[in-house]
Amino acid sequence: MKRTNTKKFKQKVFAYLLECIDPEAYGKSFKQPCDKLNFFKGCLYSEYGHELLRPGMTKQKMIASYFSGLPSCCTIAFSYCDIIELSKQWHDVNEFTEKEEDKICENWFNFMACQMIKLCESYRVEL
């Protein structure tokens, strides 16, 4: 599997996540990353905060579940083809093995949730 902890890779993922936060459906517009992340946080907790009350639920699991439900405030890739194409771009590769593709897709929402938490931390937005 390709490395996901390089600075270059993280920058690509963080830029993608910020781009995916879409406040326009709510009649809002934000230019600053902090504002976008706080908007995401507000939507997350108002629409899905109840999930944290479930036994064994963590913030990462909650965000992964939220992403897999295709929230209107954040439009991350969800189809197998889109996930693989994005991953190829981020890793600067032309192809993955079938096993790698399966692993990427299987872990997609959990990975993106982890990256969203790290992105929020980098802007001091507490989830």
Protein backbone atom coordinates (compact mmCIF):
# COMPACT_ATOMS: atom_id res chain seq x y z
CA MET A 1 0.00 0.00 0.00
CA LYS A 2 1.14 3.51 -0.74
CA ARG A 3 2.16 5.94 2.01
CA THR A 4 -0.47 8.28 3.38
CA ASN A 5 1.61 10.11 5.95
CA THR A 6 3.72 12.33 3.69
CA LYS A 7 3.26 16.09 3.86
CA LYS A 8 2.42 16.27 0.15
CA PHE A 9 -0.28 13.60 0.45
CA LYS A 10 -1.85 15.24 3.51
CA GLN A 11 -1.94 18.61 1.76
CA LYS A 12 -3.86 17.07 -1.13
CA VAL A 13 -6.36 15.38 1.18
CA PHE A 14 -6.83 18.48 3.34
CA ALA A 15 -7.38 20.69 0.27
CA TYR A 16 -9.91 18.17 -1.04
CA LEU A 17 -11.82 18.06 2.25
CA LEU A 18 -12.00 21.84 2.43
CA GLU A 19 -13.22 21.96 -1.16
CA CYS A 20 -15.91 19.38 -0.37
CA ILE A 21 -17.47 21.45 2.41
CA ASP A 22 -20.33 23.17 0.61
CA PRO A 23 -22.26 25.79 2.60
CA GLU A 24 -24.06 27.13 -0.49
CA ALA A 25 -26.93 24.67 -0.06
CA TYR A 26 -27.53 26.41 3.27
CA GLY A 27 -27.35 29.90 1.75
CA LYS A 28 -23.93 30.58 3.25
CA SER A 29 -20.47 31.31 1.91
CA PHE A 30 -17.12 31.12 3.69
CA LYS A 31 -13.67 32.02 2.48
CA GLN A 32 -11.58 31.01 5.51
CA PRO A 33 -10.87 27.32 6.21
CA CYS A 34 -11.72 27.82 9.92
CA ASP A 35 -15.16 29.10 9.00
CA LYS A 36 -15.79 26.17 6.67
CA LEU A 37 -14.67 23.70 9.34
CA ASN A 38 -16.87 25.32 11.98
CA PHE A 39 -19.78 25.15 9.54
CA PHE A 40 -19.08 21.44 8.99
CA LYS A 41 -18.90 20.91 12.76
CA GLY A 42 -22.27 22.64 13.23
CA CYS A 43 -23.92 20.50 10.57
CA LEU A 44 -22.32 17.33 11.90
CA TYR A 45 -23.55 17.84 15.44
CA SER A 46 -27.00 19.13 14.51
CA GLU A 47 -27.62 16.26 12.07
CA TYR A 48 -25.63 13.44 13.63
CA GLY A 49 -24.54 14.41 17.15
CA HIS A 50 -26.98 11.93 18.68
CA GLU A 51 -24.73 9.13 17.39
CA LEU A 52 -22.12 9.96 20.05
CA LEU A 53 -24.58 8.72 22.66
CA ARG A 54 -24.36 5.18 21.27
CA PRO A 55 -22.11 2.80 23.22
CA GLY A 56 -18.68 2.43 21.64
CA MET A 57 -19.17 5.37 19.29
CA THR A 58 -16.14 7.58 18.74
CA LYS A 59 -15.91 10.88 16.89
CA GLN A 60 -14.08 9.16 14.04
CA LYS A 61 -16.74 6.46 13.72
CA MET A 62 -19.47 9.10 13.89
CA ILE A 63 -17.86 11.20 11.13
CA ALA A 64 -17.26 8.09 8.98
CA SER A 65 -20.91 7.13 9.35
CA TYR A 66 -21.95 10.72 8.59
CA PHE A 67 -19.84 10.75 5.41
CA SER A 68 -21.26 7.42 4.28
CA GLY A 69 -24.76 8.88 4.58
CA LEU A 70 -23.81 11.51 1.97
CA PRO A 71 -24.40 14.69 4.00
CA SER A 72 -25.53 17.76 2.09
CA CYS A 73 -22.89 20.01 3.68
CA CYS A 74 -19.92 17.90 2.59
CA THR A 75 -19.83 16.13 -0.74
CA ILE A 76 -16.95 13.66 -0.59
CA ALA A 77 -16.59 10.95 -3.21
CA PHE A 78 -18.68 7.87 -2.56
CA SER A 79 -18.60 5.79 -5.72
CA TYR A 80 -15.93 3.14 -6.19
CA CYS A 81 -14.66 4.74 -9.42
CA ASP A 82 -14.41 8.24 -7.94
CA ILE A 83 -12.61 6.98 -4.84
CA ILE A 84 -10.05 5.07 -6.90
CA GLU A 85 -9.46 8.00 -9.28
CA LEU A 86 -8.92 10.41 -6.40
CA SER A 87 -6.56 7.97 -4.71
CA LYS A 88 -4.55 7.63 -7.92
CA GLN A 89 -4.20 11.40 -8.14
CA TRP A 90 -3.20 11.73 -4.50
CA HIS A 91 -0.62 8.94 -4.73
CA ASP A 92 0.64 10.01 -8.18
CA VAL A 93 0.14 6.54 -9.64
CA ASN A 94 -1.60 5.21 -12.73
CA GLU A 95 -2.89 1.94 -11.31
CA PHE A 96 -3.51 0.03 -8.09
CA THR A 97 -3.76 -3.70 -7.70
CA GLU A 98 -7.24 -5.10 -7.21
CA LYS A 99 -6.36 -5.83 -3.59
CA GLU A 100 -5.21 -2.23 -3.06
CA GLU A 101 -8.38 -0.87 -4.67
CA ASP A 102 -10.52 -3.04 -2.40
CA LYS A 103 -8.63 -1.85 0.69
CA ILE A 104 -8.88 1.80 -0.36
CA CYS A 105 -12.63 1.59 -0.88
CA GLU A 106 -13.23 -0.47 2.24
CA ASN A 107 -11.42 2.09 4.42
CA TRP A 108 -12.48 5.23 2.56
CA PHE A 109 -15.00 6.77 4.95
CA ASN A 110 -12.99 5.86 8.03
CA PHE A 111 -9.82 7.29 6.47
CA MET A 112 -11.58 10.50 5.44
CA ALA A 113 -13.06 10.86 8.94
CA CYS A 114 -9.57 10.54 10.45
CA GLN A 115 -8.25 13.15 8.01
CA MET A 116 -11.14 15.51 8.81
CA ILE A 117 -10.29 15.27 12.51
CA LYS A 118 -6.63 16.04 11.75
CA LEU A 119 -7.63 18.93 9.48
CA CYS A 120 -9.83 20.41 12.21
CA GLU A 121 -7.03 20.01 14.74
CA SER A 122 -4.62 21.82 12.41
CA TYR A 123 -7.01 24.82 12.42
CA ARG A 124 -7.78 24.47 16.13
CA VAL A 125 -11.41 23.62 15.48
CA GLU A 126 -12.46 21.23 18.21
CA LEU A 127 -14.85 18.50 17.12
